[in-house]
Amino acid sequence: MVTIEQRGSAHLVLGQATVQDLRDSLQGELVLPGDTEYDIHRRVFNAMIDRYPALIVRPVSTDDVIATIGFARSHDIPVAVRGGGHSVAGHGTIDDGLVMDFSLMKQVEVDPVNLIAKVQPGVKIGELIPELEKYGLVSPTGTASDTGIAGLTLGGGYGWLSGRFGLAVDNLVGAEVVTADGRVICASVDEHPDLFWALRGGSGNFGVVTSFEMRLYELDEVYGGMLLYPFDRAREVLRFYRELTSTSPDELTTYAALVTAPDGQKMVALLLCYSGPPENREEVVGPIRAFGPPVADLTRPMKYSEMNTLIDAANPPGLQNYWKWNGLREVSDDAIEVIVDAFDRVPSALTAIIIDQVNGAASRVSPTAIAFAHRDAPHGLVIISMWSDPADGDVNIRWTRELAAATEQFSTGGAYVNGIVEEKARAAYGVNYERLVEIKNRYDPTNFFRHNQNIKPTG
């Protein structure tokens, strides 16, 4: 008999024969409480999330996904879907329910002629990019290697190539989806276009994507890295950043960040990625490198795979994480003052404030063209609070909430589904929420897929 005894919640109890039926239906693995690898597979990126699923299924095929959904439905078991396990809100795990853990489904098929890659849902960014580079190709991704391609793409996918090629979600051209009733649907512009529209920004609300078809581009290397400045120049650097990003070409994506160096000194950084022709590089990048002088100039030509490791060391798995996101209308002087003042009082040396950029191709898509709606914010204020001791949670969470509240006056009012913990679904999906509800009614009327930034069906 399988049961979880913890935290006084209602516990799932299944007979051994029932569990064996599930095991017999799978080509992949079933992990149960008490198994040697249980603690390994229940953990996720954010150590603040500490949950105990009753069953962990590790599928290796679409048939495994169909069998798992059917089992969960027949026994009324809540389900969480884990791609890379990087969801800061912990959507990839669940107490007393069933986790579908896709860490065994990591196949990448590259079609260099048609410039398409088929990617399984367990693949992480740091695994995808090197596979594409074998062919001199890239697809726009996020900025941290540990991030799963599935959650990133379904939620949006800001990254270093967004200005030139768009967001990750803009480059999804097809998907194989298993719906709540066990159907396998191929979604694209030509097949089930309503579902395809909803998948691109609607997160995990409509089914389990077992294969992503991603558009690819030729790109051999980029010019990237970071420039570091002392914290007492933060206001000056952020004003320069504002002017820089207001006129930058599509090929240049630049982030600003407030961080604490390993020696305990607060710093302000400019992180840049130029993906255009090398012969134009000095004209674009030269004025940035000339601003300063910086404490350190760590920019140089590099592979895109290296560019995507730039912030890995500052954002490792296993820390306590609590994030907030505000889309900024502009990086105004008043906003700069609030942000710099807050970081001067930051309670954790591990915490970072990032101002990202949405420009070029990513900004030229209509807010209603796909489900991802947040095209009206040229910048996102990403408050990445991290600390190691769980006892420090209250002070760090309070600081994060206060900064988020103080910067709401500069915000567009939206919320990025991949960077939030507790915001309401309407903020995450913006102007597209009502249409998403209609599609949810069509494909998941019982709200089987609800362990997410949930879009509730009206039924």
Protein backbone atom coordinates (compact mmCIF):
# COMPACT_ATOMS: atom_id res chain seq x y z
CA MET A 1 0.00 0.00 0.00
CA VAL A 2 1.31 3.48 -0.94
CA THR A 3 0.69 6.36 1.45
CA ILE A 4 2.39 9.61 2.42
CA GLU A 5 2.17 10.71 6.05
CA GLN A 6 3.19 14.34 6.41
CA ARG A 7 1.91 17.81 7.26
CA GLY A 8 -1.53 16.56 8.25
CA SER A 9 -2.98 16.74 4.73
CA ALA A 10 -5.38 14.29 3.14
CA HIS A 11 -3.22 11.37 2.05
CA LEU A 12 -3.39 9.25 -1.04
CA VAL A 13 -3.73 5.53 -0.35
CA LEU A 14 -3.38 3.01 -3.17
CA GLY A 15 -3.28 -0.78 -2.99
CA GLN A 16 -0.18 -2.64 -4.10
CA ALA A 17 -2.05 -4.25 -6.97
CA THR A 18 -3.17 -0.84 -8.22
CA VAL A 19 0.38 0.51 -8.09
CA GLN A 20 1.63 -2.60 -9.87
CA ASP A 21 -0.94 -2.01 -12.63
CA LEU A 22 0.59 1.42 -13.19
CA ARG A 23 4.12 0.02 -13.17
CA ASP A 24 3.16 -2.68 -15.68
CA SER A 25 1.68 -0.07 -18.04
CA LEU A 26 4.92 1.90 -18.27
CA GLN A 27 8.03 1.58 -20.37
CA GLY A 28 9.66 4.13 -18.11
CA GLU A 29 10.17 4.19 -14.36
CA LEU A 30 7.92 4.49 -11.33
CA VAL A 31 9.53 5.91 -8.18
CA LEU A 32 7.77 5.55 -4.82
CA PRO A 33 8.36 6.91 -1.31
CA GLY A 34 11.04 4.79 0.32
CA ASP A 35 12.82 4.06 -2.96
CA THR A 36 16.53 4.93 -2.99
CA GLU A 37 16.12 7.66 -5.61
CA TYR A 38 12.90 9.15 -4.24
CA ASP A 39 14.52 12.18 -2.58
CA ILE A 40 16.59 12.88 -5.67
CA HIS A 41 13.58 12.96 -7.98
CA ARG A 42 11.22 14.85 -5.68
CA ARG A 43 13.59 17.83 -5.32
CA VAL A 44 13.36 20.84 -7.62
CA PHE A 45 15.53 23.89 -8.36
CA ASN A 46 13.98 26.05 -5.63
CA ALA A 47 14.89 24.63 -2.20
CA MET A 48 12.04 26.66 -0.71
CA ILE A 49 9.73 24.09 -2.36
CA ASP A 50 9.84 20.87 -0.31
CA ARG A 51 7.05 18.53 -1.41
CA TYR A 52 6.40 14.82 -1.14
CA PRO A 53 4.58 13.26 -4.10
CA ALA A 54 2.98 9.86 -3.65
CA LEU A 55 4.07 8.69 -7.11
CA ILE A 56 6.78 9.86 -9.50
CA VAL A 57 6.43 8.57 -13.05
CA ARG A 58 9.44 9.01 -15.33
CA PRO A 59 8.04 8.51 -18.85
CA VAL A 60 10.15 7.55 -21.83
CA SER A 61 7.44 7.82 -24.48
CA THR A 62 4.12 9.41 -25.40
CA ASP A 63 2.44 6.09 -24.59
CA ASP A 64 3.75 6.40 -21.02
CA VAL A 65 2.19 9.83 -20.76
CA ILE A 66 -1.16 8.54 -22.01
CA ALA A 67 -1.08 5.68 -19.51
CA THR A 68 -0.13 7.98 -16.65
CA ILE A 69 -2.88 10.49 -17.37
CA GLY A 70 -5.43 7.68 -17.63
CA PHE A 71 -4.29 6.23 -14.30
CA ALA A 72 -4.42 9.60 -12.56
CA ARG A 73 -7.88 10.35 -13.92
CA SER A 74 -9.33 6.98 -12.97
CA HIS A 75 -8.04 7.32 -9.39
CA ASP A 76 -8.68 11.07 -9.05
CA ILE A 77 -5.01 11.81 -8.34
CA PRO A 78 -3.75 15.39 -8.76
CA VAL A 79 -0.87 15.70 -11.22
CA ALA A 80 2.16 17.96 -11.53
CA VAL A 81 4.25 18.05 -14.71
CA ARG A 82 8.00 18.51 -14.40
CA GLY A 83 10.11 19.40 -17.41
CA GLY A 84 13.36 20.85 -16.13
CA GLY A 85 12.20 21.36 -12.54
CA HIS A 86 13.18 25.04 -12.66
CA SER A 87 9.75 26.55 -11.86
CA VAL A 88 10.38 29.00 -9.02
CA ALA A 89 6.75 28.55 -7.95
CA GLY A 90 7.26 24.79 -7.65
CA HIS A 91 4.73 23.77 -10.29
CA GLY A 92 6.85 20.73 -11.15
CA THR A 93 6.10 18.89 -7.91
CA ILE A 94 3.14 18.27 -5.61
CA ASP A 95 2.30 16.89 -2.17
CA ASP A 96 0.42 13.57 -2.11
CA GLY A 97 -0.13 13.49 -5.86
CA LEU A 98 1.59 12.21 -9.00
CA VAL A 99 4.57 13.88 -10.64
CA MET A 100 5.32 13.28 -14.31
CA ASP A 101 9.09 13.78 -14.38
CA PHE A 102 10.42 14.09 -17.93
CA SER A 103 14.11 13.80 -17.08
CA LEU A 104 14.37 10.60 -19.17
CA MET A 105 12.93 12.23 -22.31
CA LYS A 106 15.86 14.26 -23.63
CA GLN A 107 16.01 13.51 -27.34
CA VAL A 108 16.88 16.33 -29.78
CA GLU A 109 16.40 15.77 -33.52
CA VAL A 110 17.90 18.46 -35.76
CA ASP A 111 16.77 19.03 -39.35
CA PRO A 112 19.47 21.36 -40.72
CA VAL A 113 17.80 21.59 -44.11
CA ASN A 114 14.40 22.79 -42.97
CA LEU A 115 15.88 24.51 -39.89
CA ILE A 116 13.66 22.74 -37.39
CA ALA A 117 14.53 20.88 -34.19
CA LYS A 118 12.23 18.38 -32.46
CA VAL A 119 12.89 18.58 -28.75
CA GLN A 120 11.52 16.34 -25.98
CA PRO A 121 10.22 17.95 -22.78
CA GLY A 122 13.02 16.86 -20.45
CA VAL A 123 15.70 18.79 -22.33
CA LYS A 124 17.33 21.74 -20.57
CA ILE A 125 18.75 24.81 -22.28
CA GLY A 126 22.29 23.76 -21.47
CA GLU A 127 21.65 20.44 -23.22
CA LEU A 128 19.85 21.84 -26.27
CA ILE A 129 22.28 24.55 -27.34
CA PRO A 130 25.36 22.30 -27.78
CA GLU A 131 23.31 19.90 -29.92
CA LEU A 132 22.29 22.75 -32.21
CA GLU A 133 25.82 24.16 -32.35
CA LYS A 134 27.04 20.95 -33.98
CA TYR A 135 25.23 22.27 -37.07
CA GLY A 136 26.11 25.95 -36.60
CA LEU A 137 22.51 26.64 -35.55
CA VAL A 138 20.67 28.25 -32.63
CA SER A 139 17.14 28.70 -31.38
CA PRO A 140 16.26 31.54 -28.98
CA THR A 141 16.31 30.34 -25.39
CA GLY A 142 16.45 31.75 -21.88
CA THR A 143 19.53 32.81 -19.95
CA ALA A 144 20.20 30.01 -17.42
CA SER A 145 21.48 26.59 -18.51
CA ASP A 146 19.48 24.69 -15.87
CA THR A 147 16.14 25.95 -17.22
CA GLY A 148 13.94 23.37 -18.94
CA ILE A 149 12.99 24.12 -22.53
CA ALA A 150 9.38 23.03 -21.91
CA GLY A 151 8.34 25.48 -19.21
CA LEU A 152 10.45 28.24 -20.74
CA THR A 153 8.80 27.92 -24.15
CA LEU A 154 5.21 27.46 -22.96
CA GLY A 155 5.50 30.51 -20.71
CA GLY A 156 7.41 32.94 -22.92
CA GLY A 157 11.20 32.66 -22.97
CA TYR A 158 13.13 35.93 -22.74
CA GLY A 159 16.77 35.57 -23.73
CA TRP A 160 19.92 36.93 -25.36
CA LEU A 161 18.59 36.54 -28.92
CA SER A 162 15.10 37.96 -28.37
CA GLY A 163 15.77 41.19 -30.24
CA ARG A 164 16.97 39.46 -33.37
CA PHE A 165 14.86 36.28 -33.44
CA GLY A 166 12.04 36.80 -30.93
CA LEU A 167 11.19 34.95 -27.73
CA ALA A 168 11.41 31.18 -27.39
CA VAL A 169 7.60 31.02 -27.61
CA ASP A 170 7.68 32.95 -30.91
CA ASN A 171 9.78 30.19 -32.42
CA LEU A 172 7.58 27.24 -31.52
CA VAL A 173 6.19 25.98 -34.84
CA GLY A 174 4.53 22.75 -33.74
CA ALA A 175 3.82 20.54 -30.74
CA GLU A 176 2.66 17.02 -29.95
CA VAL A 177 0.23 17.29 -27.05
CA VAL A 178 -1.46 14.69 -24.84
CA THR A 179 -4.72 16.15 -23.57
CA ALA A 180 -6.56 15.46 -20.32
CA ASP A 181 -8.72 12.81 -21.99
CA GLY A 182 -5.69 10.95 -23.37
CA ARG A 183 -5.86 12.14 -26.95
CA VAL A 184 -2.65 12.82 -28.88
CA ILE A 185 -2.94 16.04 -30.86
CA CYS A 186 -0.49 17.65 -33.25
CA ALA A 187 -0.91 21.39 -32.83
CA SER A 188 0.36 23.95 -35.33
CA VAL A 189 -0.87 26.86 -37.41
CA ASP A 190 -2.61 24.31 -39.67
CA GLU A 191 -3.79 21.74 -37.10
CA HIS A 192 -5.78 22.67 -34.01
CA PRO A 193 -4.72 26.31 -34.37
CA ASP A 194 -6.74 27.33 -31.30
CA LEU A 195 -4.73 24.97 -29.09
CA PHE A 196 -1.50 26.05 -30.76
CA TRP A 197 -2.33 29.70 -30.05
CA ALA A 198 -3.00 28.87 -26.39
CA LEU A 199 0.14 26.77 -25.89
CA ARG A 200 2.33 29.72 -26.87
CA GLY A 201 2.16 31.56 -23.56
CA GLY A 202 -0.64 29.68 -21.77
CA SER A 203 1.88 27.64 -19.81
CA GLY A 204 0.91 24.07 -18.80
CA ASN A 205 -2.86 24.51 -18.78
CA PHE A 206 -3.93 22.57 -21.84
CA GLY A 207 -2.06 19.28 -21.90
CA VAL A 208 1.36 17.66 -21.75
CA VAL A 209 3.63 18.59 -24.64
CA THR A 210 5.70 15.53 -25.52
CA SER A 211 7.52 17.10 -28.49
CA PHE A 212 8.38 20.70 -29.35
CA GLU A 213 9.21 21.77 -32.90
CA MET A 214 11.50 24.79 -32.71
CA ARG A 215 12.57 27.13 -35.52
CA LEU A 216 16.35 27.34 -35.99
CA TYR A 217 18.74 30.02 -37.27
CA GLU A 218 22.31 30.04 -38.52
CA LEU A 219 24.67 31.63 -35.99
CA ASP A 220 28.27 30.68 -35.33
CA GLU A 221 29.19 32.96 -32.42
CA VAL A 222 28.17 36.09 -30.55
CA TYR A 223 30.03 38.89 -28.84
CA GLY A 224 28.98 38.84 -25.21
CA GLY A 225 29.83 39.05 -21.56
CA MET A 226 29.57 41.67 -18.85
CA LEU A 227 31.01 44.97 -17.73
CA LEU A 228 31.19 45.65 -13.99
CA TYR A 229 31.02 49.05 -12.28
CA PRO A 230 31.14 50.11 -8.62
CA PHE A 231 27.79 50.42 -6.88
CA ASP A 232 28.23 54.14 -6.21
CA ARG A 233 27.84 54.65 -9.96
CA ALA A 234 24.63 52.61 -10.16
CA ARG A 235 22.37 55.57 -10.99
CA GLU A 236 24.72 56.78 -13.70
CA VAL A 237 25.07 53.30 -15.22
CA LEU A 238 21.30 52.70 -15.26
CA ARG A 239 20.70 56.06 -16.97
CA PHE A 240 23.29 55.09 -19.58
CA TYR A 241 21.54 51.73 -19.93
CA ARG A 242 18.23 53.51 -20.56
CA GLU A 243 19.70 55.58 -23.39
CA LEU A 244 21.58 52.61 -24.83
CA THR A 245 18.53 50.35 -25.04
CA SER A 246 16.29 53.07 -26.48
CA THR A 247 18.30 53.06 -29.73
CA SER A 248 19.96 49.63 -29.85
CA PRO A 249 19.60 47.49 -33.01
CA ASP A 250 17.79 44.15 -33.04
CA GLU A 251 21.12 42.31 -32.92
CA LEU A 252 22.01 43.73 -29.50
CA THR A 253 20.30 42.62 -26.30
CA THR A 254 21.49 44.23 -23.07
CA TYR A 255 20.56 43.61 -19.45
CA ALA A 256 21.47 45.65 -16.39
CA ALA A 257 21.98 43.96 -13.02
CA LEU A 258 22.60 44.90 -9.41
CA VAL A 259 24.64 42.17 -7.75
CA THR A 260 26.99 41.51 -4.86
CA ALA A 261 30.50 40.31 -5.76
CA PRO A 262 32.08 37.33 -3.97
CA ASP A 263 34.14 39.77 -1.86
CA GLY A 264 30.93 41.34 -0.53
CA GLN A 265 31.09 44.53 -2.62
CA LYS A 266 27.86 45.63 -4.31
CA MET A 267 28.26 46.15 -8.05
CA VAL A 268 26.24 47.21 -11.06
CA ALA A 269 26.71 45.25 -14.30
CA LEU A 270 25.85 45.58 -17.96
CA LEU A 271 25.39 42.20 -19.66
CA LEU A 272 25.36 42.26 -23.43
CA CYS A 273 24.96 39.91 -26.35
CA TYR A 274 25.60 41.10 -29.91
CA SER A 275 24.61 38.57 -32.58
CA GLY A 276 25.00 40.66 -35.73
CA PRO A 277 27.70 40.74 -38.42
CA PRO A 278 31.24 40.90 -36.99
CA GLU A 279 32.12 43.80 -39.27
CA ASN A 280 29.48 45.95 -37.51
CA ARG A 281 30.41 44.89 -34.01
CA GLU A 282 32.70 47.75 -33.04
CA GLU A 283 30.15 50.34 -34.13
CA VAL A 284 27.52 48.75 -31.87
CA VAL A 285 29.57 47.48 -28.92
CA GLY A 286 32.38 50.03 -28.90
CA PRO A 287 30.40 52.86 -27.23
CA ILE A 288 29.29 50.49 -24.46
CA ARG A 289 32.83 49.38 -23.70
CA ALA A 290 33.99 52.99 -23.81
CA PHE A 291 31.54 54.03 -21.10
CA GLY A 292 33.18 54.00 -17.75
CA PRO A 293 35.80 53.00 -17.20
CA PRO A 294 34.45 49.71 -15.84
CA VAL A 295 36.05 47.87 -12.96
CA ALA A 296 36.20 44.86 -15.28
CA ASP A 297 35.42 44.31 -18.96
CA LEU A 298 34.64 40.63 -19.45
CA THR A 299 33.23 40.91 -22.99
CA ARG A 300 34.65 38.96 -25.94
CA PRO A 301 33.63 36.73 -28.86
CA MET A 302 32.14 33.45 -27.65
CA LYS A 303 29.86 30.60 -28.60
CA TYR A 304 26.17 31.06 -27.78
CA SER A 305 26.45 28.04 -25.48
CA GLU A 306 29.01 29.95 -23.40
CA MET A 307 26.83 33.07 -23.39
CA ASN A 308 24.09 31.00 -21.81
CA THR A 309 26.31 30.07 -18.89
CA LEU A 310 27.01 33.70 -18.00
CA ILE A 311 24.73 33.83 -14.97
CA ASP A 312 24.78 30.13 -14.02
CA ALA A 313 27.17 30.56 -11.10
CA ALA A 314 25.00 33.33 -9.66
CA ASN A 315 21.79 31.29 -9.93
CA PRO A 316 22.59 27.72 -8.79
CA PRO A 317 19.99 25.11 -7.83
CA GLY A 318 19.45 24.33 -4.17
CA LEU A 319 19.00 27.85 -2.74
CA GLN A 320 15.87 29.38 -1.24
CA ASN A 321 14.23 31.42 -4.03
CA TYR A 322 11.44 33.99 -4.06
CA TRP A 323 10.99 36.08 -7.21
CA LYS A 324 8.91 39.00 -8.40
CA TRP A 325 8.55 40.54 -11.86
CA ASN A 326 7.24 43.91 -13.01
CA GLY A 327 7.06 44.94 -16.65
CA LEU A 328 8.49 48.47 -16.80
CA ARG A 329 7.08 51.15 -19.09
CA GLU A 330 10.50 52.80 -18.97
CA VAL A 331 13.59 52.95 -16.79
CA SER A 332 12.74 56.40 -15.42
CA ASP A 333 14.85 58.40 -12.98
CA ASP A 334 12.26 57.76 -10.27
CA ALA A 335 12.32 54.01 -10.94
CA ILE A 336 16.12 54.02 -10.83
CA GLU A 337 16.05 55.76 -7.46
CA VAL A 338 13.66 53.20 -5.96
CA ILE A 339 15.60 50.23 -7.34
CA VAL A 340 19.05 51.44 -6.27
CA ASP A 341 17.84 52.46 -2.81
CA ALA A 342 16.26 49.03 -2.32
CA PHE A 343 19.41 47.18 -3.35
CA ASP A 344 21.43 49.27 -0.95
CA ARG A 345 19.36 47.57 1.78
CA VAL A 346 19.20 44.06 0.26
CA PRO A 347 19.22 41.43 3.05
CA SER A 348 21.02 38.69 1.10
CA ALA A 349 24.30 38.90 -0.80
CA LEU A 350 22.95 36.18 -3.12
CA THR A 351 20.04 38.30 -4.35
CA ALA A 352 20.14 40.04 -7.75
CA ILE A 353 17.96 42.65 -9.43
CA ILE A 354 17.92 42.35 -13.22
CA ILE A 355 16.46 44.78 -15.73
CA ASP A 356 16.02 42.86 -18.97
CA GLN A 357 15.22 44.14 -22.44
CA VAL A 358 12.39 43.32 -24.84
CA ASN A 359 13.26 44.87 -28.18
CA GLY A 360 13.34 44.19 -31.88
CA ALA A 361 11.58 41.05 -33.09
CA ALA A 362 10.20 40.25 -29.63
CA SER A 363 8.52 43.66 -29.36
CA ARG A 364 6.96 43.67 -32.83
CA VAL A 365 4.49 40.81 -32.21
CA SER A 366 0.89 41.78 -31.48
CA PRO A 367 -0.17 41.09 -27.86
CA THR A 368 -2.99 38.91 -29.19
CA ALA A 369 -1.12 37.10 -31.98
CA ILE A 370 -0.32 34.30 -29.53
CA ALA A 371 -1.27 33.76 -25.89
CA PHE A 372 1.86 35.51 -24.59
CA ALA A 373 0.62 39.07 -24.16
CA HIS A 374 3.41 41.13 -22.59
CA ARG A 375 4.78 43.03 -25.58
CA ASP A 376 4.11 46.50 -24.13
CA ALA A 377 6.92 46.41 -21.56
CA PRO A 378 10.32 47.34 -23.08
CA HIS A 379 11.94 46.12 -19.87
CA GLY A 380 11.21 43.62 -17.15
CA LEU A 381 12.26 44.22 -13.57
CA VAL A 382 13.24 40.78 -12.31
CA ILE A 383 13.76 40.57 -8.54
CA ILE A 384 15.60 37.31 -7.89
CA SER A 385 15.80 36.91 -4.14
CA MET A 386 18.01 34.03 -3.03
CA TRP A 387 19.32 32.96 0.36
CA SER A 388 20.68 29.75 1.86
CA ASP A 389 19.21 29.52 5.39
CA PRO A 390 15.43 28.81 5.51
CA ALA A 391 15.30 30.81 8.77
CA ASP A 392 16.02 33.96 6.74
CA GLY A 393 12.88 33.56 4.64
CA ASP A 394 10.69 36.20 6.28
CA VAL A 395 13.12 39.09 5.91
CA ASN A 396 13.98 38.24 2.30
CA ILE A 397 10.38 37.73 1.23
CA ARG A 398 9.33 40.97 2.91
CA TRP A 399 12.11 42.93 1.16
CA THR A 400 11.13 41.43 -2.21
CA ARG A 401 7.45 42.23 -1.80
CA GLU A 402 8.22 45.78 -0.70
CA LEU A 403 10.38 46.43 -3.76
CA ALA A 404 7.78 44.90 -6.08
CA ALA A 405 5.08 47.08 -4.52
CA ALA A 406 7.24 50.21 -4.70
CA THR A 407 7.87 49.70 -8.44
CA GLU A 408 4.25 48.93 -9.39
CA GLN A 409 3.80 52.64 -10.18
CA PHE A 410 6.26 52.20 -13.07
CA SER A 411 4.73 48.92 -14.26
CA THR A 412 2.46 47.95 -17.14
CA GLY A 413 0.50 45.81 -14.66
CA GLY A 414 1.31 42.45 -16.18
CA ALA A 415 3.20 39.48 -14.72
CA TYR A 416 5.56 37.04 -16.44
CA VAL A 417 4.25 33.53 -15.80
CA ASN A 418 7.76 32.03 -15.58
CA GLY A 419 9.01 34.56 -13.04
CA ILE A 420 6.26 34.80 -10.45
CA VAL A 421 5.14 32.88 -7.39
CA GLU A 422 1.75 34.09 -6.22
CA GLU A 423 0.32 36.60 -8.72
CA LYS A 424 -3.16 36.09 -10.16
CA ALA A 425 -3.67 34.38 -13.50
CA ARG A 426 -5.27 37.45 -15.06
CA ALA A 427 -2.04 39.39 -14.54
CA ALA A 428 -0.02 36.54 -16.06
CA TYR A 429 -2.16 36.21 -19.19
CA GLY A 430 -3.32 39.81 -19.62
CA VAL A 431 -5.65 40.67 -22.48
CA ASN A 432 -5.74 37.04 -23.62
CA TYR A 433 -7.21 35.59 -20.44
CA GLU A 434 -10.84 35.29 -21.60
CA ARG A 435 -9.89 33.59 -24.86
CA LEU A 436 -7.65 31.22 -22.92
CA VAL A 437 -10.61 30.29 -20.71
CA GLU A 438 -12.64 29.41 -23.82
CA ILE A 439 -9.85 27.12 -25.07
CA LYS A 440 -9.44 25.62 -21.61
CA ASN A 441 -13.16 24.78 -21.68
CA ARG A 442 -12.59 22.97 -24.97
CA TYR A 443 -9.49 20.93 -24.13
CA ASP A 444 -9.54 20.57 -20.32
CA PRO A 445 -13.07 21.29 -19.05
CA THR A 446 -12.52 19.46 -15.73
CA ASN A 447 -9.30 21.39 -14.99
CA PHE A 448 -7.24 18.22 -14.80
CA PHE A 449 -4.11 20.29 -15.47
CA ARG A 450 -4.42 22.73 -12.60
CA HIS A 451 -1.08 22.58 -10.78
CA ASN A 452 0.20 25.64 -12.65
CA GLN A 453 -0.57 29.34 -13.05
CA ASN A 454 -4.09 28.14 -13.51
CA ILE A 455 -6.69 29.17 -16.05
CA LYS A 456 -9.94 27.92 -14.58
CA PRO A 457 -12.59 26.58 -16.96
CA THR A 458 -16.08 27.99 -16.55
CA GLY A 459 -17.62 24.51 -16.32
